[in-house]
Protein backbone atom coordinates (compact mmCIF):
# COMPACT_ATOMS: atom_id res chain seq x y z
CA MET A 1 62.73 168.58 20.63
CA LYS A 2 61.78 169.57 24.07
CA ASN A 3 64.44 169.77 26.76
CA LYS A 4 63.10 167.80 29.73
CA LYS A 5 64.68 168.60 33.08
CA ARG A 6 64.91 165.80 35.52
CA ARG A 7 63.68 166.83 38.97
CA GLY A 8 63.96 163.88 41.30
CA PHE A 9 64.91 160.30 41.72
CA THR A 10 63.47 157.41 39.86
CA LEU A 11 61.66 154.62 41.65
CA VAL A 12 64.54 152.25 40.93
CA GLU A 13 67.07 154.60 42.53
CA LEU A 14 64.93 154.94 45.66
CA LEU A 15 64.49 151.16 45.92
CA VAL A 16 68.25 150.62 45.61
CA VAL A 17 68.89 153.08 48.43
CA LEU A 18 66.25 151.40 50.62
CA LEU A 19 67.79 148.00 49.88
CA ILE A 20 71.25 149.20 50.90
CA LEU A 21 69.86 150.72 54.11
CA GLY A 22 68.01 147.49 54.90
CA VAL A 23 71.20 145.44 54.50
CA LEU A 24 73.15 147.81 56.74
CA VAL A 25 70.47 147.69 59.45
CA GLY A 26 70.31 143.91 59.15
CA LEU A 27 74.04 143.71 59.85
CA ALA A 28 74.13 146.32 62.61
CA VAL A 29 71.19 145.31 64.82
CA PRO A 30 72.46 141.83 65.84
CA ARG A 31 75.86 143.27 66.75
CA TYR A 32 74.22 146.02 68.76
CA MET A 33 72.09 143.50 70.67
CA GLU A 34 75.14 141.34 71.49
CA SER A 35 77.10 144.35 72.70
CA GLN A 36 74.14 145.36 74.87
CA LYS A 37 74.11 141.91 76.50
CA ALA A 38 77.85 142.07 77.15
CA ALA A 39 77.50 145.57 78.61
CA ARG A 40 74.85 144.35 81.07
CA ALA A 41 77.13 141.55 82.25
CA LYS A 42 80.11 143.91 82.62
CA THR A 43 78.01 146.43 84.55
CA PHE A 44 76.75 143.72 86.88
CA ALA A 45 80.33 142.48 87.51
CA ALA A 46 81.58 146.03 88.14
CA ASN A 47 78.76 146.63 90.62
CA VAL A 48 79.65 143.43 92.51
CA ARG A 49 83.27 144.59 92.76
CA GLN A 50 82.08 148.00 94.04
CA ILE A 51 79.95 146.34 96.71
CA ILE A 52 82.88 144.20 97.86
CA SER A 53 85.07 147.30 98.09
CA ALA A 54 82.37 149.05 100.14
CA LEU A 55 82.13 146.00 102.45
CA GLU A 56 85.86 146.16 103.09
CA ALA A 57 85.71 149.94 103.68
CA TYR A 58 82.87 149.40 106.16
CA ARG A 59 84.96 146.77 107.94
CA MET A 60 87.93 149.13 108.19
CA ASP A 61 85.69 151.89 109.56
CA THR A 62 84.31 149.63 112.30
CA ILE A 63 87.56 148.42 113.80
CA GLY A 64 86.96 148.35 117.52
CA LYS A 65 89.28 148.70 120.49
CA GLY A 66 89.93 144.97 120.52
CA GLY A 67 91.10 145.11 116.91
CA SER A 68 88.12 143.19 115.56
CA ALA A 69 86.31 144.63 112.58
CA LYS A 70 82.77 143.78 111.59
CA TYR A 71 80.91 143.62 108.32
CA PRO A 72 77.42 145.11 107.98
CA GLY A 73 74.46 142.93 108.84
CA LYS A 74 72.81 143.71 105.50
CA LEU A 75 73.83 145.38 102.25
CA SER A 76 71.43 148.27 102.78
CA ASP A 77 73.71 149.49 105.62
CA LEU A 78 76.17 150.60 102.92
CA LYS A 79 73.77 152.98 101.17
CA THR A 80 74.44 156.39 102.61
CA LYS A 81 78.12 156.43 103.52
CA TYR A 82 79.77 154.27 100.88
CA PHE A 83 77.81 155.06 97.71
CA THR A 84 76.86 158.42 96.26
CA GLN A 85 74.63 156.51 93.87
CA GLU A 86 73.39 153.02 94.59
CA PRO A 87 74.56 150.32 92.17
CA ILE A 88 71.66 149.22 90.00
CA ASN A 89 71.21 145.65 88.81
CA PRO A 90 71.16 146.04 85.00
CA TYR A 91 68.92 142.98 84.69
CA THR A 92 66.18 144.05 87.10
CA GLY A 93 66.63 147.83 87.16
CA LYS A 94 66.52 147.78 90.97
CA SER A 95 69.09 148.67 93.61
CA MET A 96 71.67 146.02 94.44
CA LEU A 97 71.71 147.22 98.05
CA THR A 98 68.25 145.98 98.96
CA ASP A 99 67.68 142.86 101.01
CA THR A 100 65.67 141.10 98.31
CA GLU A 101 67.78 138.47 96.56
CA THR A 102 65.65 138.51 93.40
CA ASP A 103 66.19 142.27 92.98
CA THR A 104 69.91 142.33 93.73
CA GLY A 105 71.03 139.11 92.06
CA LEU A 106 73.19 138.54 95.13
CA LYS A 107 72.96 136.54 98.32
CA TYR A 108 74.71 138.25 101.23
CA THR A 109 75.17 136.59 104.61
CA THR A 110 77.45 137.32 107.53
CA GLY A 111 79.21 134.80 109.71
CA THR A 112 79.23 134.57 113.50
CA GLY A 113 79.61 138.01 115.03
CA SER A 114 79.71 139.60 111.56
CA LEU A 115 83.44 138.91 111.36
CA THR A 116 83.12 137.20 107.97
CA TYR A 117 80.72 137.38 105.07
CA THR A 118 79.74 135.51 101.93
CA LEU A 119 78.49 137.20 98.81
CA LYS A 120 77.19 134.84 96.13
CA VAL A 121 75.96 135.74 92.65
CA THR A 122 72.44 134.40 92.12
CA GLN A 123 71.54 136.49 89.06
CA LYS A 124 70.21 134.31 86.26
CA ASN A 125 71.72 134.41 82.77
CA ILE A 126 68.56 135.87 81.23
CA ASP A 127 70.42 137.07 78.12
CA ASP A 128 71.56 133.48 77.36
CA LEU A 129 75.17 134.61 77.05
CA GLU A 130 77.42 132.12 75.26
CA ASN A 131 74.39 129.85 74.72
CA LYS A 132 74.39 128.68 78.33
CA ALA A 133 71.15 127.83 80.05
CA ILE A 134 68.91 130.80 80.80
CA THR A 135 68.15 129.33 84.22
CA ALA A 136 71.85 129.13 85.11
CA SER A 137 73.63 131.73 87.20
CA LEU A 138 75.89 134.27 85.54
CA CYS A 139 78.73 132.34 87.19
CA ALA A 140 78.07 129.54 84.68
CA VAL A 141 79.14 131.84 81.84
CA PRO A 142 82.97 131.70 81.58
CA SER A 143 83.41 135.24 80.23
CA VAL A 144 81.28 136.71 83.05
CA LYS A 145 82.80 134.50 85.74
CA ALA A 146 86.23 135.85 84.77
CA MET A 147 84.99 139.40 85.47
CA LEU A 148 83.48 138.56 88.87
CA PRO A 149 85.49 138.23 92.07
CA THR A 150 86.46 134.60 92.61
CA GLU A 151 84.70 134.27 95.96
CA ALA A 152 81.38 135.40 94.49
CA CYS A 153 81.12 132.34 92.23
CA ASP A 154 82.54 129.54 94.37
């Protein structure tokens, strides 16, 4: 009898390994995609909080002799002094300090004499988080609304 040495894997063994890998990928990819959607929403909410903090810092820096402090006329006024790196809208990939509402996902307006401001979230729920309407604002998603400052969603 000849002594045959086995030098590799059989086709069945390779197919079993490929099947196991396919099952693992099939389980991992949907979870990865969901975590990516949640990360975008959290990043957006964190950027909104940073912008509000910068608005308040700007106001404190502009206190005049009469004791009145003003907010900037537009968000782009915050770029150089209050941010080392501009906050980026994770949905559009563009700066959140521009004056274009579709790029920032925010609507910023100042009141009379720039003594007050409103900052509203207008970013659409393009990831369809929590099966809400894609055309709805992120404020319509309860988990995201909880992360955003209250005044940004009212």
